[in-house]
Amino acid sequence: MKKLIALFAVAGFLTFGMTQNSFAQNDQTAEESAQIEQTEQAALIEDSDDQVQQSLHFVLKDKFIEGTALWMSPILICMIIGLAFIIERIFYLNLATVNSKKLLSKLDEALKAGGIEKAKQVCRDTKGPLAGVFYQGLERADEGLDSVEKALVAYGSVQIGKLESNLSWISLFIAIVPMIGFLGTVVGMVLAFDDIERAGDISPTIVAGGMKLALITTVFALITAVILQVFYNYIISKIDAIVVDMEDATISFMDMMIRNK
């Protein structure tokens, strides 16, 4: 009897252990399944994002082609040339931006240590329009402070003109691009009415081609004009900041010349 009880006990322990092992395996399998599902969901999300991006790219390309080369080529040319002028201006203005306080401090030290010639050398070693303006003023230091001030004003106007060069071309493209778009719109409407006249009937199918040309041309023209306008306003604000800094620095330069005369 005792042997039977012992055998039942051993069998119970073995059954319990196998049950725990099966539960553990089921839990592990469930975790692995959950991880696989999460990975698949992430892959599906990435694929959907890629499809959205690709679809947007293809939609823009297809709509650009549907606008016909006659109307879309001038818009594209205006955008390319306008962006070229914008990039050139941004590089030029970044090179023209200097630390005016640091430059004035160097000039003050040079005037005290070595006089006008050493200050001229500081201006020659410094890039930017502000150093050029100061150099022209130092060139006329022997003629008096009035001559220095006149030189600063005259050469400062020249430097401001250089800062503003090519802006007229950018503004021209900003004005021309919407006109091209609106011209395409008018032409598309005329084509739509011609189709109606030939068919003798007003239906969406007949006027769809002309209306699509009108809308596509206008959309791309307005997008181009908005892009150019944003960069144009950025350039204008940067020029204004440089000019204000030049005017303040010029006043400080004249005060420094008065102190060191």
C-alpha atoms as a PDB file:
ATOM      1  CA  MET A   1       0.000   0.000   0.000  1.00  0.00           C
ATOM      2  CA  LYS A   2       2.795   2.385   0.875  1.00  0.00           C
ATOM      3  CA  LYS A   3       4.515   1.602  -2.421  1.00  0.00           C
ATOM      4  CA  LEU A   4       1.352   2.518  -4.332  1.00  0.00           C
ATOM      5  CA  ILE A   5       1.059   5.821  -2.491  1.00  0.00           C
ATOM      6  CA  ALA A   6       4.705   6.568  -3.267  1.00  0.00           C
ATOM      7  CA  LEU A   7       4.194   5.767  -6.941  1.00  0.00           C
ATOM      8  CA  PHE A   8       1.122   8.039  -7.110  1.00  0.00           C
ATOM      9  CA  ALA A   9       3.083  10.818  -5.456  1.00  0.00           C
ATOM     10  CA  VAL A  10       5.961  10.523  -7.940  1.00  0.00           C
ATOM     11  CA  ALA A  11       3.500  10.465 -10.837  1.00  0.00           C
ATOM     12  CA  GLY A  12       1.804  13.581  -9.471  1.00  0.00           C
ATOM     13  CA  PHE A  13       5.092  15.467  -9.166  1.00  0.00           C
ATOM     14  CA  LEU A  14       6.065  14.493 -12.718  1.00  0.00           C
ATOM     15  CA  THR A  15       2.683  15.560 -14.047  1.00  0.00           C
ATOM     16  CA  PHE A  16       2.933  18.901 -12.213  1.00  0.00           C
ATOM     17  CA  GLY A  17       6.436  19.488 -13.581  1.00  0.00           C
ATOM     18  CA  MET A  18       5.353  18.723 -17.146  1.00  0.00           C
ATOM     19  CA  THR A  19       2.387  21.041 -16.748  1.00  0.00           C
ATOM     20  CA  GLN A  20       4.631  23.883 -15.562  1.00  0.00           C
ATOM     21  CA  ASN A  21       7.005  23.263 -18.457  1.00  0.00           C
ATOM     22  CA  SER A  22       4.138  23.341 -20.933  1.00  0.00           C
ATOM     23  CA  PHE A  23       2.841  26.613 -19.407  1.00  0.00           C
ATOM     24  CA  ALA A  24       6.323  28.125 -19.620  1.00  0.00           C
ATOM     25  CA  GLN A  25       6.651  27.049 -23.238  1.00  0.00           C
ATOM     26  CA  ASN A  26       3.220  28.497 -24.010  1.00  0.00           C
ATOM     27  CA  ASP A  27       4.179  31.800 -22.357  1.00  0.00           C
ATOM     28  CA  GLN A  28       7.428  31.924 -24.332  1.00  0.00           C
ATOM     29  CA  THR A  29       5.576  31.116 -27.532  1.00  0.00           C
ATOM     30  CA  ALA A  30       3.050  33.875 -26.796  1.00  0.00           C
ATOM     31  CA  GLU A  31       5.830  36.413 -26.199  1.00  0.00           C
ATOM     32  CA  GLU A  32       7.579  35.422 -29.416  1.00  0.00           C
ATOM     33  CA  SER A  33       4.288  35.714 -31.305  1.00  0.00           C
ATOM     34  CA  ALA A  34       3.693  39.183 -29.837  1.00  0.00           C
ATOM     35  CA  GLN A  35       7.188  40.304 -30.863  1.00  0.00           C
ATOM     36  CA  ILE A  36       6.683  38.968 -34.368  1.00  0.00           C
ATOM     37  CA  GLU A  37       3.357  40.793 -34.632  1.00  0.00           C
ATOM     38  CA  GLN A  38       4.934  44.049 -33.446  1.00  0.00           C
ATOM     39  CA  THR A  39       7.750  43.669 -35.989  1.00  0.00           C
ATOM     40  CA  GLU A  40       5.275  42.986 -38.762  1.00  0.00           C
ATOM     41  CA  GLN A  41       3.170  45.995 -37.759  1.00  0.00           C
ATOM     42  CA  ALA A  42       6.251  48.256 -37.740  1.00  0.00           C
ATOM     43  CA  ALA A  43       7.244  46.942 -41.169  1.00  0.00           C
ATOM     44  CA  LEU A  44       3.734  47.585 -42.461  1.00  0.00           C
ATOM     45  CA  ILE A  45       3.819  51.148 -41.107  1.00  0.00           C
ATOM     46  CA  GLU A  46       7.194  51.810 -42.744  1.00  0.00           C
ATOM     47  CA  ASP A  47       5.968  50.350 -46.013  1.00  0.00           C
ATOM     48  CA  SER A  48       2.863  52.522 -45.897  1.00  0.00           C
ATOM     49  CA  ASP A  49       4.978  55.631 -45.210  1.00  0.00           C
ATOM     50  CA  ASP A  50       7.248  54.769 -48.140  1.00  0.00           C
ATOM     51  CA  GLN A  51       4.228  54.248 -50.341  1.00  0.00           C
ATOM     52  CA  VAL A  52       2.805  57.629 -49.314  1.00  0.00           C
ATOM     53  CA  GLN A  53       6.102  59.368 -50.081  1.00  0.00           C
ATOM     54  CA  GLN A  54       6.501  57.584 -53.381  1.00  0.00           C
ATOM     55  CA  SER A  55       2.919  58.266 -54.322  1.00  0.00           C
ATOM     56  CA  LEU A  56       3.341  61.988 -53.543  1.00  0.00           C
ATOM     57  CA  HIS A  57       6.510  62.082 -55.605  1.00  0.00           C
ATOM     58  CA  PHE A  58       4.871  60.328 -58.534  1.00  0.00           C
ATOM     59  CA  VAL A  59       1.748  62.464 -58.286  1.00  0.00           C
ATOM     60  CA  LEU A  60       3.780  65.681 -58.473  1.00  0.00           C
ATOM     61  CA  LYS A  61       5.811  64.324 -61.383  1.00  0.00           C
ATOM     62  CA  ASP A  62       2.721  63.178 -63.258  1.00  0.00           C
ATOM     63  CA  LYS A  63       0.915  66.466 -62.701  1.00  0.00           C
ATOM     64  CA  PHE A  64       3.990  68.382 -63.836  1.00  0.00           C
ATOM     65  CA  ILE A  65       4.063  66.328 -67.060  1.00  0.00           C
ATOM     66  CA  GLU A  66       0.329  66.816 -67.569  1.00  0.00           C
ATOM     67  CA  GLY A  67       0.847  70.563 -67.452  1.00  0.00           C
ATOM     68  CA  THR A  68       2.646  70.285 -70.828  1.00  0.00           C
ATOM     69  CA  ALA A  69       6.150  71.541 -71.572  1.00  0.00           C
ATOM     70  CA  LEU A  70       4.834  74.763 -73.120  1.00  0.00           C
ATOM     71  CA  TRP A  71       3.676  76.099 -69.737  1.00  0.00           C
ATOM     72  CA  MET A  72       5.684  74.150 -67.183  1.00  0.00           C
ATOM     73  CA  SER A  73       9.119  74.764 -68.745  1.00  0.00           C
ATOM     74  CA  PRO A  74       9.033  78.564 -68.213  1.00  0.00           C
ATOM     75  CA  ILE A  75       7.932  78.025 -64.617  1.00  0.00           C
ATOM     76  CA  LEU A  76      10.766  75.548 -64.022  1.00  0.00           C
ATOM     77  CA  ILE A  77      13.331  77.860 -65.649  1.00  0.00           C
ATOM     78  CA  CYS A  78      12.202  80.802 -63.513  1.00  0.00           C
ATOM     79  CA  MET A  79      12.464  78.685 -60.382  1.00  0.00           C
ATOM     80  CA  ILE A  80      15.973  77.414 -61.219  1.00  0.00           C
ATOM     81  CA  ILE A  81      17.374  80.840 -62.114  1.00  0.00           C
ATOM     82  CA  GLY A  82      15.655  82.486 -59.152  1.00  0.00           C
ATOM     83  CA  LEU A  83      17.066  79.920 -56.727  1.00  0.00           C
ATOM     84  CA  ALA A  84      20.523  80.384 -58.284  1.00  0.00           C
ATOM     85  CA  PHE A  85      20.399  84.129 -57.556  1.00  0.00           C
ATOM     86  CA  ILE A  86      19.097  83.417 -54.054  1.00  0.00           C
ATOM     87  CA  ILE A  87      21.922  80.991 -53.255  1.00  0.00           C
ATOM     88  CA  GLU A  88      24.491  83.497 -54.554  1.00  0.00           C
ATOM     89  CA  ARG A  89      23.043  86.288 -52.400  1.00  0.00           C
ATOM     90  CA  ILE A  90      22.921  84.130 -49.276  1.00  0.00           C
ATOM     91  CA  PHE A  91      26.583  83.148 -49.657  1.00  0.00           C
ATOM     92  CA  TYR A  92      27.599  86.759 -50.311  1.00  0.00           C
ATOM     93  CA  LEU A  93      25.673  88.094 -47.320  1.00  0.00           C
ATOM     94  CA  ASN A  94      27.097  85.433 -45.019  1.00  0.00           C
ATOM     95  CA  LEU A  95      30.607  86.446 -46.082  1.00  0.00           C
ATOM     96  CA  ALA A  96      29.689  90.128 -45.631  1.00  0.00           C
ATOM     97  CA  THR A  97      28.561  89.596 -42.033  1.00  0.00           C
ATOM     98  CA  VAL A  98      31.297  90.492 -39.529  1.00  0.00           C
ATOM     99  CA  ASN A  99      31.525  91.152 -35.813  1.00  0.00           C
ATOM    100  CA  SER A 100      31.549  94.957 -35.856  1.00  0.00           C
ATOM    101  CA  LYS A 101      32.330  95.319 -32.140  1.00  0.00           C
ATOM    102  CA  LYS A 102      35.373  93.085 -32.442  1.00  0.00           C
ATOM    103  CA  LEU A 103      36.574  94.997 -35.510  1.00  0.00           C
ATOM    104  CA  LEU A 104      36.158  98.341 -33.779  1.00  0.00           C
ATOM    105  CA  SER A 105      38.066  97.048 -30.771  1.00  0.00           C
ATOM    106  CA  LYS A 106      40.960  95.966 -33.004  1.00  0.00           C
ATOM    107  CA  LEU A 107      40.969  99.325 -34.772  1.00  0.00           C
ATOM    108  CA  ASP A 108      41.007 101.192 -31.481  1.00  0.00           C
ATOM    109  CA  GLU A 109      43.977  99.166 -30.269  1.00  0.00           C
ATOM    110  CA  ALA A 110      45.760  99.636 -33.601  1.00  0.00           C
ATOM    111  CA  LEU A 111      45.245 103.406 -33.564  1.00  0.00           C
ATOM    112  CA  LYS A 112      46.618 103.647 -30.048  1.00  0.00           C
ATOM    113  CA  ALA A 113      49.580 101.358 -30.763  1.00  0.00           C
ATOM    114  CA  GLY A 114      50.621 102.153 -34.344  1.00  0.00           C
ATOM    115  CA  GLY A 115      48.440 104.943 -35.671  1.00  0.00           C
ATOM    116  CA  ILE A 116      46.596 105.142 -38.989  1.00  0.00           C
ATOM    117  CA  GLU A 117      48.838 102.736 -40.925  1.00  0.00           C
ATOM    118  CA  LYS A 118      48.377  99.911 -38.458  1.00  0.00           C
ATOM    119  CA  ALA A 119      44.608 100.509 -38.460  1.00  0.00           C
ATOM    120  CA  LYS A 120      44.656 100.292 -42.270  1.00  0.00           C
ATOM    121  CA  GLN A 121      46.419  96.945 -42.013  1.00  0.00           C
ATOM    122  CA  VAL A 122      43.667  95.666 -39.719  1.00  0.00           C
ATOM    123  CA  CYS A 123      41.075  96.695 -42.314  1.00  0.00           C
ATOM    124  CA  ARG A 124      43.009  94.993 -45.112  1.00  0.00           C
ATOM    125  CA  ASP A 125      43.172  91.759 -43.123  1.00  0.00           C
ATOM    126  CA  THR A 126      39.428  91.783 -42.413  1.00  0.00           C
ATOM    127  CA  LYS A 127      36.859  90.631 -44.960  1.00  0.00           C
ATOM    128  CA  GLY A 128      33.506  92.269 -45.494  1.00  0.00           C
ATOM    129  CA  PRO A 129      32.097  95.622 -46.604  1.00  0.00           C
ATOM    130  CA  LEU A 130      32.427  97.216 -43.170  1.00  0.00           C
ATOM    131  CA  ALA A 131      36.210  96.890 -43.161  1.00  0.00           C
ATOM    132  CA  GLY A 132      36.280  98.432 -46.643  1.00  0.00           C
ATOM    133  CA  VAL A 133      34.221 101.400 -45.458  1.00  0.00           C
ATOM    134  CA  PHE A 134      36.563 101.964 -42.513  1.00  0.00           C
ATOM    135  CA  TYR A 135      39.585 101.706 -44.791  1.00  0.00           C
ATOM    136  CA  GLN A 136      38.249 104.475 -47.031  1.00  0.00           C
ATOM    137  CA  GLY A 137      37.730 106.662 -43.969  1.00  0.00           C
ATOM    138  CA  LEU A 138      41.263 106.005 -42.732  1.00  0.00           C
ATOM    139  CA  GLU A 139      42.617 106.907 -46.175  1.00  0.00           C
ATOM    140  CA  ARG A 140      41.308 110.447 -45.665  1.00  0.00           C
ATOM    141  CA  ALA A 141      42.240 110.807 -42.022  1.00  0.00           C
ATOM    142  CA  ASP A 142      44.913 113.414 -42.892  1.00  0.00           C
ATOM    143  CA  GLU A 143      42.285 115.634 -44.571  1.00  0.00           C
ATOM    144  CA  GLY A 144      40.210 116.076 -41.423  1.00  0.00           C
ATOM    145  CA  LEU A 145      37.176 114.495 -39.807  1.00  0.00           C
ATOM    146  CA  ASP A 146      34.781 116.024 -42.342  1.00  0.00           C
ATOM    147  CA  SER A 147      36.552 114.239 -45.180  1.00  0.00           C
ATOM    148  CA  VAL A 148      36.513 111.008 -43.187  1.00  0.00           C
ATOM    149  CA  GLU A 149      32.769 111.287 -42.627  1.00  0.00           C
ATOM    150  CA  LYS A 150      32.081 112.034 -46.297  1.00  0.00           C
ATOM    151  CA  ALA A 151      34.195 109.046 -47.340  1.00  0.00           C
ATOM    152  CA  LEU A 152      32.303 106.782 -44.943  1.00  0.00           C
ATOM    153  CA  VAL A 153      28.932 107.928 -46.278  1.00  0.00           C
ATOM    154  CA  ALA A 154      29.922 107.691 -49.933  1.00  0.00           C
ATOM    155  CA  TYR A 155      31.615 104.312 -49.768  1.00  0.00           C
ATOM    156  CA  GLY A 156      28.909 102.981 -47.441  1.00  0.00           C
ATOM    157  CA  SER A 157      26.326 103.715 -50.140  1.00  0.00           C
ATOM    158  CA  VAL A 158      28.440 101.788 -52.636  1.00  0.00           C
ATOM    159  CA  GLN A 159      28.623  98.777 -50.314  1.00  0.00           C
ATOM    160  CA  ILE A 160      24.868  98.851 -49.702  1.00  0.00           C
ATOM    161  CA  GLY A 161      24.348  98.824 -53.462  1.00  0.00           C
ATOM    162  CA  LYS A 162      26.551  95.728 -53.710  1.00  0.00           C
ATOM    163  CA  LEU A 163      24.526  94.037 -50.981  1.00  0.00           C
ATOM    164  CA  GLU A 164      21.317  94.679 -52.906  1.00  0.00           C
ATOM    165  CA  SER A 165      22.595  93.567 -56.317  1.00  0.00           C
ATOM    166  CA  ASN A 166      20.617  90.829 -58.139  1.00  0.00           C
ATOM    167  CA  LEU A 167      17.584  91.387 -55.911  1.00  0.00           C
ATOM    168  CA  SER A 168      15.771  92.963 -58.859  1.00  0.00           C
ATOM    169  CA  TRP A 169      16.099  89.692 -60.775  1.00  0.00           C
ATOM    170  CA  ILE A 170      14.628  87.696 -57.895  1.00  0.00           C
ATOM    171  CA  SER A 171      11.698  90.096 -57.594  1.00  0.00           C
ATOM    172  CA  LEU A 172      11.236  89.876 -61.374  1.00  0.00           C
ATOM    173  CA  PHE A 173      10.874  86.097 -61.250  1.00  0.00           C
ATOM    174  CA  ILE A 174       8.494  86.386 -58.285  1.00  0.00           C
ATOM    175  CA  ALA A 175       6.292  88.658 -60.405  1.00  0.00           C
ATOM    176  CA  ILE A 176       6.607  86.721 -63.671  1.00  0.00           C
ATOM    177  CA  VAL A 177       5.864  83.206 -62.388  1.00  0.00           C
ATOM    178  CA  PRO A 178       2.267  83.912 -61.223  1.00  0.00           C
ATOM    179  CA  MET A 179       1.625  85.729 -64.514  1.00  0.00           C
ATOM    180  CA  ILE A 180       2.708  82.612 -66.426  1.00  0.00           C
ATOM    181  CA  GLY A 181       0.407  80.537 -64.231  1.00  0.00           C
ATOM    182  CA  PHE A 182      -2.543  82.851 -64.771  1.00  0.00           C
ATOM    183  CA  LEU A 183      -1.838  82.934 -68.499  1.00  0.00           C
ATOM    184  CA  GLY A 184      -1.936  79.142 -68.511  1.00  0.00           C
ATOM    185  CA  THR A 185      -5.225  79.322 -66.620  1.00  0.00           C
ATOM    186  CA  VAL A 186      -6.741  81.644 -69.214  1.00  0.00           C
ATOM    187  CA  VAL A 187      -5.484  79.496 -72.087  1.00  0.00           C
ATOM    188  CA  GLY A 188      -6.889  76.382 -70.412  1.00  0.00           C
ATOM    189  CA  MET A 189     -10.273  78.044 -70.024  1.00  0.00           C
ATOM    190  CA  VAL A 190     -10.229  79.084 -73.687  1.00  0.00           C
ATOM    191  CA  LEU A 191      -9.439  75.497 -74.697  1.00  0.00           C
ATOM    192  CA  ALA A 192     -12.269  74.249 -72.509  1.00  0.00           C
ATOM    193  CA  PHE A 193     -14.761  76.621 -74.194  1.00  0.00           C
ATOM    194  CA  ASP A 194     -13.456  75.589 -77.621  1.00  0.00           C
ATOM    195  CA  ASP A 195     -14.142  71.955 -76.721  1.00  0.00           C
ATOM    196  CA  ILE A 196     -17.659  72.892 -75.590  1.00  0.00           C
ATOM    197  CA  GLU A 197     -18.252  74.773 -78.828  1.00  0.00           C
ATOM    198  CA  ARG A 198     -17.086  71.888 -80.992  1.00  0.00           C
ATOM    199  CA  ALA A 199     -19.112  69.322 -79.039  1.00  0.00           C
ATOM    200  CA  GLY A 200     -22.196  71.497 -78.718  1.00  0.00           C
ATOM    201  CA  ASP A 201     -22.695  70.160 -75.215  1.00  0.00           C
ATOM    202  CA  ILE A 202     -21.510  70.990 -71.689  1.00  0.00           C
ATOM    203  CA  SER A 203     -20.282  67.917 -69.867  1.00  0.00           C
ATOM    204  CA  PRO A 204     -17.495  67.326 -67.331  1.00  0.00           C
ATOM    205  CA  THR A 205     -15.652  65.038 -69.737  1.00  0.00           C
ATOM    206  CA  ILE A 206     -15.432  67.683 -72.424  1.00  0.00           C
ATOM    207  CA  VAL A 207     -14.123  70.512 -70.240  1.00  0.00           C
ATOM    208  CA  ALA A 208     -11.920  68.381 -67.948  1.00  0.00           C
ATOM    209  CA  GLY A 209      -8.795  68.639 -70.124  1.00  0.00           C
ATOM    210  CA  GLY A 210      -8.756  72.417 -70.378  1.00  0.00           C
ATOM    211  CA  MET A 211      -9.666  72.914 -66.744  1.00  0.00           C
ATOM    212  CA  LYS A 212      -6.936  70.498 -65.611  1.00  0.00           C
ATOM    213  CA  LEU A 213      -4.309  72.391 -67.626  1.00  0.00           C
ATOM    214  CA  ALA A 214      -5.491  75.660 -66.119  1.00  0.00           C
ATOM    215  CA  LEU A 215      -5.390  74.427 -62.535  1.00  0.00           C
ATOM    216  CA  ILE A 216      -2.058  72.542 -62.788  1.00  0.00           C
ATOM    217  CA  THR A 217      -0.285  75.545 -64.302  1.00  0.00           C
ATOM    218  CA  THR A 218      -1.629  77.855 -61.610  1.00  0.00           C
ATOM    219  CA  VAL A 219      -0.722  75.483 -58.758  1.00  0.00           C
ATOM    220  CA  PHE A 220       2.908  75.023 -59.803  1.00  0.00           C
ATOM    221  CA  ALA A 221       3.306  78.725 -60.558  1.00  0.00           C
ATOM    222  CA  LEU A 222       2.017  79.721 -57.121  1.00  0.00           C
ATOM    223  CA  ILE A 223       4.229  77.127 -55.389  1.00  0.00           C
ATOM    224  CA  THR A 224       7.282  78.527 -57.200  1.00  0.00           C
ATOM    225  CA  ALA A 225       6.346  82.108 -56.360  1.00  0.00           C
ATOM    226  CA  VAL A 226       5.851  81.260 -52.677  1.00  0.00           C
ATOM    227  CA  ILE A 227       9.264  79.567 -52.446  1.00  0.00           C
ATOM    228  CA  LEU A 228      11.041  82.498 -54.108  1.00  0.00           C
ATOM    229  CA  GLN A 229       9.152  85.030 -51.992  1.00  0.00           C
ATOM    230  CA  VAL A 230      10.145  83.359 -48.720  1.00  0.00           C
ATOM    231  CA  PHE A 231      13.846  83.403 -49.617  1.00  0.00           C
ATOM    232  CA  TYR A 232      13.554  86.961 -50.961  1.00  0.00           C
ATOM    233  CA  ASN A 233      12.147  88.223 -47.665  1.00  0.00           C
ATOM    234  CA  TYR A 234      14.920  86.400 -45.783  1.00  0.00           C
ATOM    235  CA  ILE A 235      17.557  88.123 -47.932  1.00  0.00           C
ATOM    236  CA  ILE A 236      15.931  91.518 -47.444  1.00  0.00           C
ATOM    237  CA  SER A 237      15.858  91.080 -43.663  1.00  0.00           C
ATOM    238  CA  LYS A 238      19.531  90.029 -43.659  1.00  0.00           C
ATOM    239  CA  ILE A 239      20.516  93.063 -45.738  1.00  0.00           C
ATOM    240  CA  ASP A 240      18.605  95.363 -43.389  1.00  0.00           C
ATOM    241  CA  ALA A 241      20.415  93.854 -40.397  1.00  0.00           C
ATOM    242  CA  ILE A 242      23.820  94.343 -42.067  1.00  0.00           C
ATOM    243  CA  VAL A 243      23.011  97.952 -43.027  1.00  0.00           C
ATOM    244  CA  VAL A 244      21.851  98.845 -39.511  1.00  0.00           C
ATOM    245  CA  ASP A 245      24.992  97.284 -38.058  1.00  0.00           C
ATOM    246  CA  MET A 246      27.139  99.246 -40.538  1.00  0.00           C
ATOM    247  CA  GLU A 247      25.461 102.528 -39.587  1.00  0.00           C
ATOM    248  CA  ASP A 248      25.949 101.914 -35.861  1.00  0.00           C
ATOM    249  CA  ALA A 249      29.553 100.867 -36.416  1.00  0.00           C
ATOM    250  CA  THR A 250      30.216 103.974 -38.531  1.00  0.00           C
ATOM    251  CA  ILE A 251      29.031 106.243 -35.717  1.00  0.00           C
ATOM    252  CA  SER A 252      31.270 104.393 -33.260  1.00  0.00           C
ATOM    253  CA  PHE A 253      34.166 104.667 -35.733  1.00  0.00           C
ATOM    254  CA  MET A 254      33.775 108.446 -35.947  1.00  0.00           C
ATOM    255  CA  ASP A 255      33.750 108.705 -32.146  1.00  0.00           C
ATOM    256  CA  MET A 256      36.914 106.602 -32.062  1.00  0.00           C
ATOM    257  CA  MET A 257      38.596 108.838 -34.644  1.00  0.00           C
ATOM    258  CA  ILE A 258      37.717 111.910 -32.579  1.00  0.00           C
ATOM    259  CA  ARG A 259      39.256 110.345 -29.474  1.00  0.00           C
ATOM    260  CA  ASN A 260      42.463 109.355 -31.296  1.00  0.00           C
ATOM    261  CA  LYS A 261      43.024 112.430 -33.451  1.00  0.00           C
END
